[in-house]
Amino acid sequence: MEQPLIVNLDSVPLRFTPDGRVSVVDAIRAVSNSNRPHSIWESLKAEYPEVLMHCEDYSFQGEDPVPVVDSKGWERVWMLLPDYLADPNLP
């Protein structure tokens, strides 16, 4: 069984599945330097549920499952992020 890959981006761990999908929340945290990546993800997927077409739950080494996304899905999330990072009303 292949092991997931963990890459640190400016000391923020970014988890990848063996087939290259990335943890959405990790990626949002890493690129935004935000302490509210879960809130951003919840708001984003509520407003743009089509991003879920590229997501799947994955359990990293016995942890609770987290959403992971392929490159096409991450591209969509990446394009939507600026609106959410600028929103001071998100918790």
PDB file of N, CA and C in Angstrom:
ATOM      1  N   MET A   1       0.839  -1.184   0.000  1.00  0.00           N
ATOM      2  CA  MET A   1       0.000   0.000   0.000  1.00  0.00           C
ATOM      3  C   MET A   1       0.887   1.251   0.000  1.00  0.00           C
ATOM      4  N   GLU A   2       0.625   2.147  -0.917  1.00  0.00           N
ATOM      5  CA  GLU A   2       1.415   3.367  -1.012  1.00  0.00           C
ATOM      6  C   GLU A   2       1.061   4.328   0.123  1.00  0.00           C
ATOM      7  N   GLN A   3       2.053   5.063   0.562  1.00  0.00           N
ATOM      8  CA  GLN A   3       1.873   6.033   1.633  1.00  0.00           C
ATOM      9  C   GLN A   3       1.541   7.405   1.048  1.00  0.00           C
ATOM     10  N   PRO A   4       0.732   8.180   1.766  1.00  0.00           N
ATOM     11  CA  PRO A   4       0.494   9.558   1.312  1.00  0.00           C
ATOM     12  C   PRO A   4       1.784  10.364   1.435  1.00  0.00           C
ATOM     13  N   LEU A   5       1.817  11.456   0.718  1.00  0.00           N
ATOM     14  CA  LEU A   5       2.978  12.345   0.722  1.00  0.00           C
ATOM     15  C   LEU A   5       2.611  13.620   1.464  1.00  0.00           C
ATOM     16  N   ILE A   6       3.497  14.063   2.334  1.00  0.00           N
ATOM     17  CA  ILE A   6       3.289  15.324   3.044  1.00  0.00           C
ATOM     18  C   ILE A   6       4.409  16.271   2.648  1.00  0.00           C
ATOM     19  N   VAL A   7       4.027  17.434   2.124  1.00  0.00           N
ATOM     20  CA  VAL A   7       4.970  18.461   1.709  1.00  0.00           C
ATOM     21  C   VAL A   7       4.707  19.682   2.572  1.00  0.00           C
ATOM     22  N   ASN A   8       5.755  20.287   3.081  1.00  0.00           N
ATOM     23  CA  ASN A   8       5.601  21.513   3.862  1.00  0.00           C
ATOM     24  C   ASN A   8       5.777  22.715   2.955  1.00  0.00           C
ATOM     25  N   LEU A   9       4.781  23.569   2.937  1.00  0.00           N
ATOM     26  CA  LEU A   9       4.821  24.803   2.170  1.00  0.00           C
ATOM     27  C   LEU A   9       4.850  25.941   3.180  1.00  0.00           C
ATOM     28  N   ASP A  10       6.014  26.563   3.322  1.00  0.00           N
ATOM     29  CA  ASP A  10       6.200  27.586   4.362  1.00  0.00           C
ATOM     30  C   ASP A  10       5.766  27.059   5.722  1.00  0.00           C
ATOM     31  N   SER A  11       6.212  25.886   6.059  1.00  0.00           N
ATOM     32  CA  SER A  11       5.959  25.187   7.328  1.00  0.00           C
ATOM     33  C   SER A  11       4.496  24.774   7.529  1.00  0.00           C
ATOM     34  N   VAL A  12       3.684  24.843   6.491  1.00  0.00           N
ATOM     35  CA  VAL A  12       2.304  24.366   6.557  1.00  0.00           C
ATOM     36  C   VAL A  12       2.260  23.014   5.861  1.00  0.00           C
ATOM     37  N   PRO A  13       1.885  21.941   6.604  1.00  0.00           N
ATOM     38  CA  PRO A  13       1.840  20.625   5.971  1.00  0.00           C
ATOM     39  C   PRO A  13       0.714  20.528   4.943  1.00  0.00           C
ATOM     40  N   LEU A  14       1.045  19.967   3.814  1.00  0.00           N
ATOM     41  CA  LEU A  14       0.125  19.812   2.693  1.00  0.00           C
ATOM     42  C   LEU A  14       0.118  18.322   2.354  1.00  0.00           C
ATOM     43  N   ARG A  15      -1.030  17.658   2.589  1.00  0.00           N
ATOM     44  CA  ARG A  15      -1.116  16.213   2.386  1.00  0.00           C
ATOM     45  C   ARG A  15      -1.616  15.875   0.987  1.00  0.00           C
ATOM     46  N   PHE A  16      -0.949  14.902   0.363  1.00  0.00           N
ATOM     47  CA  PHE A  16      -1.321  14.393  -0.946  1.00  0.00           C
ATOM     48  C   PHE A  16      -1.594  12.898  -0.837  1.00  0.00           C
ATOM     49  N   THR A  17      -2.586  12.428  -1.553  1.00  0.00           N
ATOM     50  CA  THR A  17      -2.851  11.000  -1.631  1.00  0.00           C
ATOM     51  C   THR A  17      -1.783  10.355  -2.507  1.00  0.00           C
ATOM     52  N   PRO A  18      -1.637   9.038  -2.445  1.00  0.00           N
ATOM     53  CA  PRO A  18      -0.650   8.377  -3.310  1.00  0.00           C
ATOM     54  C   PRO A  18      -0.876   8.642  -4.805  1.00  0.00           C
ATOM     55  N   ASP A  19      -2.126   8.923  -5.199  1.00  0.00           N
ATOM     56  CA  ASP A  19      -2.388   9.189  -6.621  1.00  0.00           C
ATOM     57  C   ASP A  19      -2.388  10.685  -6.957  1.00  0.00           C
ATOM     58  N   GLY A  20      -1.938  11.535  -6.018  1.00  0.00           N
ATOM     59  CA  GLY A  20      -1.715  12.945  -6.322  1.00  0.00           C
ATOM     60  C   GLY A  20      -2.822  13.919  -5.981  1.00  0.00           C
ATOM     61  N   ARG A  21      -3.899  13.446  -5.374  1.00  0.00           N
ATOM     62  CA  ARG A  21      -4.942  14.392  -4.959  1.00  0.00           C
ATOM     63  C   ARG A  21      -4.502  15.068  -3.663  1.00  0.00           C
ATOM     64  N   VAL A  22      -4.951  16.308  -3.472  1.00  0.00           N
ATOM     65  CA  VAL A  22      -4.506  17.103  -2.337  1.00  0.00           C
ATOM     66  C   VAL A  22      -5.670  17.348  -1.379  1.00  0.00           C
ATOM     67  N   SER A  23      -5.343  17.419  -0.093  1.00  0.00           N
ATOM     68  CA  SER A  23      -6.345  17.789   0.905  1.00  0.00           C
ATOM     69  C   SER A  23      -6.763  19.235   0.644  1.00  0.00           C
ATOM     70  N   VAL A  24      -8.044  19.434   0.415  1.00  0.00           N
ATOM     71  CA  VAL A  24      -8.537  20.772   0.076  1.00  0.00           C
ATOM     72  C   VAL A  24      -8.262  21.771   1.199  1.00  0.00           C
ATOM     73  N   VAL A  25      -8.559  21.380   2.417  1.00  0.00           N
ATOM     74  CA  VAL A  25      -8.383  22.294   3.547  1.00  0.00           C
ATOM     75  C   VAL A  25      -6.901  22.620   3.752  1.00  0.00           C
ATOM     76  N   ASP A  26      -6.034  21.611   3.615  1.00  0.00           N
ATOM     77  CA  ASP A  26      -4.591  21.864   3.726  1.00  0.00           C
ATOM     78  C   ASP A  26      -4.146  22.868   2.666  1.00  0.00           C
ATOM     79  N   ALA A  27      -4.615  22.662   1.442  1.00  0.00           N
ATOM     80  CA  ALA A  27      -4.211  23.534   0.336  1.00  0.00           C
ATOM     81  C   ALA A  27      -4.717  24.958   0.540  1.00  0.00           C
ATOM     82  N   ILE A  28      -5.950  25.093   0.995  1.00  0.00           N
ATOM     83  CA  ILE A  28      -6.489  26.432   1.263  1.00  0.00           C
ATOM     84  C   ILE A  28      -5.659  27.111   2.356  1.00  0.00           C
ATOM     85  N   ARG A  29      -5.345  26.369   3.406  1.00  0.00           N
ATOM     86  CA  ARG A  29      -4.537  26.928   4.499  1.00  0.00           C
ATOM     87  C   ARG A  29      -3.159  27.350   3.980  1.00  0.00           C
ATOM     88  N   ALA A  30      -2.549  26.515   3.169  1.00  0.00           N
ATOM     89  CA  ALA A  30      -1.191  26.785   2.686  1.00  0.00           C
ATOM     90  C   ALA A  30      -1.121  27.998   1.765  1.00  0.00           C
ATOM     91  N   VAL A  31      -2.052  28.113   0.839  1.00  0.00           N
ATOM     92  CA  VAL A  31      -1.958  29.214  -0.126  1.00  0.00           C
ATOM     93  C   VAL A  31      -2.523  30.523   0.407  1.00  0.00           C
ATOM     94  N   SER A  32      -3.372  30.444   1.421  1.00  0.00           N
ATOM     95  CA  SER A  32      -4.005  31.662   1.924  1.00  0.00           C
ATOM     96  C   SER A  32      -3.395  32.164   3.223  1.00  0.00           C
ATOM     97  N   ASN A  33      -2.635  31.295   3.900  1.00  0.00           N
ATOM     98  CA  ASN A  33      -2.105  31.628   5.210  1.00  0.00           C
ATOM     99  C   ASN A  33      -3.236  32.008   6.162  1.00  0.00           C
ATOM    100  N   SER A  34      -4.371  31.356   5.977  1.00  0.00           N
ATOM    101  CA  SER A  34      -5.564  31.656   6.757  1.00  0.00           C
ATOM    102  C   SER A  34      -5.687  30.692   7.935  1.00  0.00           C
ATOM    103  N   ASN A  35      -6.229  31.194   9.037  1.00  0.00           N
ATOM    104  CA  ASN A  35      -6.515  30.324  10.173  1.00  0.00           C
ATOM    105  C   ASN A  35      -7.965  29.837  10.131  1.00  0.00           C
ATOM    106  N   ARG A  36      -8.647  30.065   9.005  1.00  0.00           N
ATOM    107  CA  ARG A  36     -10.042  29.643   8.860  1.00  0.00           C
ATOM    108  C   ARG A  36     -10.289  28.852   7.573  1.00  0.00           C
ATOM    109  N   PRO A  37      -9.407  27.920   7.233  1.00  0.00           N
ATOM    110  CA  PRO A  37      -9.580  27.199   5.971  1.00  0.00           C
ATOM    111  C   PRO A  37     -10.851  26.360   5.930  1.00  0.00           C
ATOM    112  N   HIS A  38     -11.283  25.831   7.078  1.00  0.00           N
ATOM    113  CA  HIS A  38     -12.518  25.037   7.096  1.00  0.00           C
ATOM    114  C   HIS A  38     -13.723  25.905   6.771  1.00  0.00           C
ATOM    115  N   SER A  39     -13.782  27.097   7.330  1.00  0.00           N
ATOM    116  CA  SER A  39     -14.890  28.019   7.045  1.00  0.00           C
ATOM    117  C   SER A  39     -14.905  28.427   5.576  1.00  0.00           C
ATOM    118  N   ILE A  40     -13.737  28.694   5.050  1.00  0.00           N
ATOM    119  CA  ILE A  40     -13.637  29.073   3.638  1.00  0.00           C
ATOM    120  C   ILE A  40     -14.145  27.932   2.768  1.00  0.00           C
ATOM    121  N   TRP A  41     -13.697  26.700   3.057  1.00  0.00           N
ATOM    122  CA  TRP A  41     -14.116  25.546   2.274  1.00  0.00           C
ATOM    123  C   TRP A  41     -15.628  25.330   2.385  1.00  0.00           C
ATOM    124  N   GLU A  42     -16.181  25.410   3.578  1.00  0.00           N
ATOM    125  CA  GLU A  42     -17.622  25.206   3.761  1.00  0.00           C
ATOM    126  C   GLU A  42     -18.421  26.242   2.974  1.00  0.00           C
ATOM    127  N   SER A  43     -18.014  27.488   3.019  1.00  0.00           N
ATOM    128  CA  SER A  43     -18.707  28.545   2.277  1.00  0.00           C
ATOM    129  C   SER A  43     -18.571  28.349   0.770  1.00  0.00           C
ATOM    130  N   LEU A  44     -17.378  28.014   0.350  1.00  0.00           N
ATOM    131  CA  LEU A  44     -17.123  27.836  -1.076  1.00  0.00           C
ATOM    132  C   LEU A  44     -17.952  26.690  -1.646  1.00  0.00           C
ATOM    133  N   LYS A  45     -17.966  25.553  -0.974  1.00  0.00           N
ATOM    134  CA  LYS A  45     -18.714  24.413  -1.518  1.00  0.00           C
ATOM    135  C   LYS A  45     -20.220  24.611  -1.412  1.00  0.00           C
ATOM    136  N   ALA A  46     -20.688  25.419  -0.456  1.00  0.00           N
ATOM    137  CA  ALA A  46     -22.117  25.719  -0.365  1.00  0.00           C
ATOM    138  C   ALA A  46     -22.556  26.597  -1.535  1.00  0.00           C
ATOM    139  N   GLU A  47     -21.703  27.550  -1.902  1.00  0.00           N
ATOM    140  CA  GLU A  47     -22.052  28.463  -2.985  1.00  0.00           C
ATOM    141  C   GLU A  47     -21.750  27.883  -4.371  1.00  0.00           C
ATOM    142  N   TYR A  48     -20.747  27.026  -4.444  1.00  0.00           N
ATOM    143  CA  TYR A  48     -20.342  26.419  -5.723  1.00  0.00           C
ATOM    144  C   TYR A  48     -20.266  24.903  -5.570  1.00  0.00           C
ATOM    145  N   PRO A  49     -21.404  24.228  -5.402  1.00  0.00           N
ATOM    146  CA  PRO A  49     -21.381  22.782  -5.150  1.00  0.00           C
ATOM    147  C   PRO A  49     -20.769  21.965  -6.281  1.00  0.00           C
ATOM    148  N   GLU A  50     -20.611  22.550  -7.456  1.00  0.00           N
ATOM    149  CA  GLU A  50     -20.001  21.803  -8.557  1.00  0.00           C
ATOM    150  C   GLU A  50     -18.550  21.417  -8.267  1.00  0.00           C
ATOM    151  N   VAL A  51     -17.889  22.109  -7.326  1.00  0.00           N
ATOM    152  CA  VAL A  51     -16.510  21.728  -7.000  1.00  0.00           C
ATOM    153  C   VAL A  51     -16.467  20.338  -6.373  1.00  0.00           C
ATOM    154  N   LEU A  52     -17.587  19.907  -5.815  1.00  0.00           N
ATOM    155  CA  LEU A  52     -17.635  18.596  -5.184  1.00  0.00           C
ATOM    156  C   LEU A  52     -17.540  17.462  -6.201  1.00  0.00           C
ATOM    157  N   MET A  53     -17.781  17.757  -7.472  1.00  0.00           N
ATOM    158  CA  MET A  53     -17.650  16.731  -8.510  1.00  0.00           C
ATOM    159  C   MET A  53     -16.210  16.224  -8.596  1.00  0.00           C
ATOM    160  N   HIS A  54     -15.268  17.016  -8.166  1.00  0.00           N
ATOM    161  CA  HIS A  54     -13.857  16.656  -8.238  1.00  0.00           C
ATOM    162  C   HIS A  54     -13.315  16.188  -6.884  1.00  0.00           C
ATOM    163  N   CYS A  55     -14.181  16.124  -5.879  1.00  0.00           N
ATOM    164  CA  CYS A  55     -13.748  15.785  -4.521  1.00  0.00           C
ATOM    165  C   CYS A  55     -14.144  14.363  -4.137  1.00  0.00           C
ATOM    166  N   GLU A  56     -13.410  13.882  -3.179  1.00  0.00           N
ATOM    167  CA  GLU A  56     -13.679  12.569  -2.609  1.00  0.00           C
ATOM    168  C   GLU A  56     -13.130  12.602  -1.189  1.00  0.00           C
ATOM    169  N   ASP A  57     -13.740  11.861  -0.291  1.00  0.00           N
ATOM    170  CA  ASP A  57     -13.198  11.778   1.060  1.00  0.00           C
ATOM    171  C   ASP A  57     -12.069  10.754   1.093  1.00  0.00           C
ATOM    172  N   TYR A  58     -11.033  11.086   1.837  1.00  0.00           N
ATOM    173  CA  TYR A  58      -9.871  10.214   1.943  1.00  0.00           C
ATOM    174  C   TYR A  58      -9.391  10.240   3.388  1.00  0.00           C
ATOM    175  N   SER A  59      -9.043   9.077   3.908  1.00  0.00           N
ATOM    176  CA  SER A  59      -8.551   8.979   5.274  1.00  0.00           C
ATOM    177  C   SER A  59      -7.027   8.837   5.247  1.00  0.00           C
ATOM    178  N   PHE A  60      -6.345   9.858   5.739  1.00  0.00           N
ATOM    179  CA  PHE A  60      -4.893   9.824   5.813  1.00  0.00           C
ATOM    180  C   PHE A  60      -4.455   9.055   7.052  1.00  0.00           C
ATOM    181  N   GLN A  61      -3.877   7.906   6.879  1.00  0.00           N
ATOM    182  CA  GLN A  61      -3.302   7.084   7.936  1.00  0.00           C
ATOM    183  C   GLN A  61      -4.188   6.966   9.176  1.00  0.00           C
ATOM    184  N   GLY A  62      -5.420   6.534   8.965  1.00  0.00           N
ATOM    185  CA  GLY A  62      -6.326   6.269  10.066  1.00  0.00           C
ATOM    186  C   GLY A  62      -7.023   7.483  10.650  1.00  0.00           C
ATOM    187  N   GLU A  63      -6.785   8.659  10.105  1.00  0.00           N
ATOM    188  CA  GLU A  63      -7.465   9.867  10.585  1.00  0.00           C
ATOM    189  C   GLU A  63      -8.883   9.888  10.032  1.00  0.00           C
ATOM    190  N   ASP A  64      -9.689  10.801  10.533  1.00  0.00           N
ATOM    191  CA  ASP A  64     -11.025  10.991   9.973  1.00  0.00           C
ATOM    192  C   ASP A  64     -10.891  11.392   8.512  1.00  0.00           C
ATOM    193  N   PRO A  65     -11.819  10.959   7.676  1.00  0.00           N
ATOM    194  CA  PRO A  65     -11.748  11.319   6.253  1.00  0.00           C
ATOM    195  C   PRO A  65     -11.824  12.831   6.045  1.00  0.00           C
ATOM    196  N   VAL A  66     -11.062  13.297   5.076  1.00  0.00           N
ATOM    197  CA  VAL A  66     -11.060  14.708   4.695  1.00  0.00           C
ATOM    198  C   VAL A  66     -11.275  14.795   3.191  1.00  0.00           C
ATOM    199  N   PRO A  67     -11.814  15.920   2.710  1.00  0.00           N
ATOM    200  CA  PRO A  67     -11.991  16.053   1.267  1.00  0.00           C
ATOM    201  C   PRO A  67     -10.648  16.248   0.570  1.00  0.00           C
ATOM    202  N   VAL A  68     -10.470  15.505  -0.506  1.00  0.00           N
ATOM    203  CA  VAL A  68      -9.303  15.673  -1.360  1.00  0.00           C
ATOM    204  C   VAL A  68      -9.817  16.000  -2.754  1.00  0.00           C
ATOM    205  N   VAL A  69      -8.989  16.657  -3.519  1.00  0.00           N
ATOM    206  CA  VAL A  69      -9.415  17.129  -4.829  1.00  0.00           C
ATOM    207  C   VAL A  69      -8.318  16.843  -5.856  1.00  0.00           C
ATOM    208  N   ASP A  70      -8.754  16.571  -7.075  1.00  0.00           N
ATOM    209  CA  ASP A  70      -7.803  16.364  -8.162  1.00  0.00           C
ATOM    210  C   ASP A  70      -7.358  17.716  -8.709  1.00  0.00           C
ATOM    211  N   SER A  71      -6.477  17.696  -9.689  1.00  0.00           N
ATOM    212  CA  SER A  71      -5.924  18.960 -10.201  1.00  0.00           C
ATOM    213  C   SER A  71      -6.991  19.837 -10.845  1.00  0.00           C
ATOM    214  N   LYS A  72      -7.934  19.245 -11.528  1.00  0.00           N
ATOM    215  CA  LYS A  72      -9.004  20.030 -12.150  1.00  0.00           C
ATOM    216  C   LYS A  72      -9.868  20.706 -11.074  1.00  0.00           C
ATOM    217  N   GLY A  73     -10.173  19.973 -10.029  1.00  0.00           N
ATOM    218  CA  GLY A  73     -10.945  20.541  -8.927  1.00  0.00           C
ATOM    219  C   GLY A  73     -10.189  21.633  -8.195  1.00  0.00           C
ATOM    220  N   TRP A  74      -8.880  21.413  -7.975  1.00  0.00           N
ATOM    221  CA  TRP A  74      -8.087  22.435  -7.298  1.00  0.00           C
ATOM    222  C   TRP A  74      -8.018  23.696  -8.140  1.00  0.00           C
ATOM    223  N   GLU A  75      -7.931  23.557  -9.446  1.00  0.00           N
ATOM    224  CA  GLU A  75      -7.912  24.730 -10.323  1.00  0.00           C
ATOM    225  C   GLU A  75      -9.180  25.556 -10.122  1.00  0.00           C
ATOM    226  N   ARG A  76     -10.308  24.897 -10.008  1.00  0.00           N
ATOM    227  CA  ARG A  76     -11.580  25.596  -9.785  1.00  0.00           C
ATOM    228  C   ARG A  76     -11.590  26.275  -8.401  1.00  0.00           C
ATOM    229  N   VAL A  77     -11.168  25.551  -7.373  1.00  0.00           N
ATOM    230  CA  VAL A  77     -11.112  26.129  -6.029  1.00  0.00           C
ATOM    231  C   VAL A  77     -10.184  27.341  -6.029  1.00  0.00           C
ATOM    232  N   TRP A  78      -9.028  27.198  -6.643  1.00  0.00           N
ATOM    233  CA  TRP A  78      -8.031  28.274  -6.700  1.00  0.00           C
ATOM    234  C   TRP A  78      -8.619  29.535  -7.321  1.00  0.00           C
ATOM    235  N   MET A  79      -9.404  29.373  -8.389  1.00  0.00           N
ATOM    236  CA  MET A  79     -10.000  30.529  -9.063  1.00  0.00           C
ATOM    237  C   MET A  79     -11.050  31.218  -8.185  1.00  0.00           C
ATOM    238  N   LEU A  80     -11.689  30.483  -7.299  1.00  0.00           N
ATOM    239  CA  LEU A  80     -12.732  31.043  -6.446  1.00  0.00           C
ATOM    240  C   LEU A  80     -12.195  31.625  -5.141  1.00  0.00           C
ATOM    241  N   LEU A  81     -11.041  31.227  -4.726  1.00  0.00           N
ATOM    242  CA  LEU A  81     -10.499  31.628  -3.422  1.00  0.00           C
ATOM    243  C   LEU A  81     -10.421  33.129  -3.172  1.00  0.00           C
ATOM    244  N   PRO A  82     -10.000  33.953  -4.105  1.00  0.00           N
ATOM    245  CA  PRO A  82      -9.862  35.380  -3.784  1.00  0.00           C
ATOM    246  C   PRO A  82     -11.122  36.013  -3.193  1.00  0.00           C
ATOM    247  N   ASP A  83     -12.291  35.623  -3.664  1.00  0.00           N
ATOM    248  CA  ASP A  83     -13.534  36.182  -3.131  1.00  0.00           C
ATOM    249  C   ASP A  83     -13.722  35.828  -1.658  1.00  0.00           C
ATOM    250  N   TYR A  84     -13.320  34.637  -1.282  1.00  0.00           N
ATOM    251  CA  TYR A  84     -13.515  34.186   0.096  1.00  0.00           C
ATOM    252  C   TYR A  84     -12.444  34.723   1.030  1.00  0.00           C
ATOM    253  N   LEU A  85     -11.269  34.925   0.523  1.00  0.00           N
ATOM    254  CA  LEU A  85     -10.198  35.450   1.371  1.00  0.00           C
ATOM    255  C   LEU A  85     -10.437  36.922   1.696  1.00  0.00           C
ATOM    256  N   ALA A  86     -11.131  37.616   0.830  1.00  0.00           N
ATOM    257  CA  ALA A  86     -11.411  39.031   1.022  1.00  0.00           C
ATOM    258  C   ALA A  86     -12.649  39.280   1.871  1.00  0.00           C
ATOM    259  N   ASP A  87     -13.429  38.242   2.154  1.00  0.00           N
ATOM    260  CA  ASP A  87     -14.689  38.382   2.872  1.00  0.00           C
ATOM    261  C   ASP A  87     -14.472  38.381   4.392  1.00  0.00           C
ATOM    262  N   PRO A  88     -14.558  39.539   5.050  1.00  0.00           N
ATOM    263  CA  PRO A  88     -14.331  39.608   6.492  1.00  0.00           C
ATOM    264  C   PRO A  88     -15.488  39.018   7.293  1.00  0.00           C
ATOM    265  N   ASN A  89     -16.611  38.713   6.651  1.00  0.00           N
ATOM    266  CA  ASN A  89     -17.762  38.171   7.365  1.00  0.00           C
ATOM    267  C   ASN A  89     -17.716  36.684   7.568  1.00  0.00           C
ATOM    268  N   LEU A  90     -16.751  35.999   6.951  1.00  0.00           N
ATOM    269  CA  LEU A  90     -16.622  34.569   7.176  1.00  0.00           C
ATOM    270  C   LEU A  90     -16.064  34.339   8.558  1.00  0.00           C
ATOM    271  N   PRO A  91     -16.580  33.342   9.244  1.00  0.00           N
ATOM    272  CA  PRO A  91     -16.052  33.059  10.595  1.00  0.00           C
ATOM    273  C   PRO A  91     -14.628  32.553  10.564  1.00  0.00           C
TER     274      PRO A  91
END
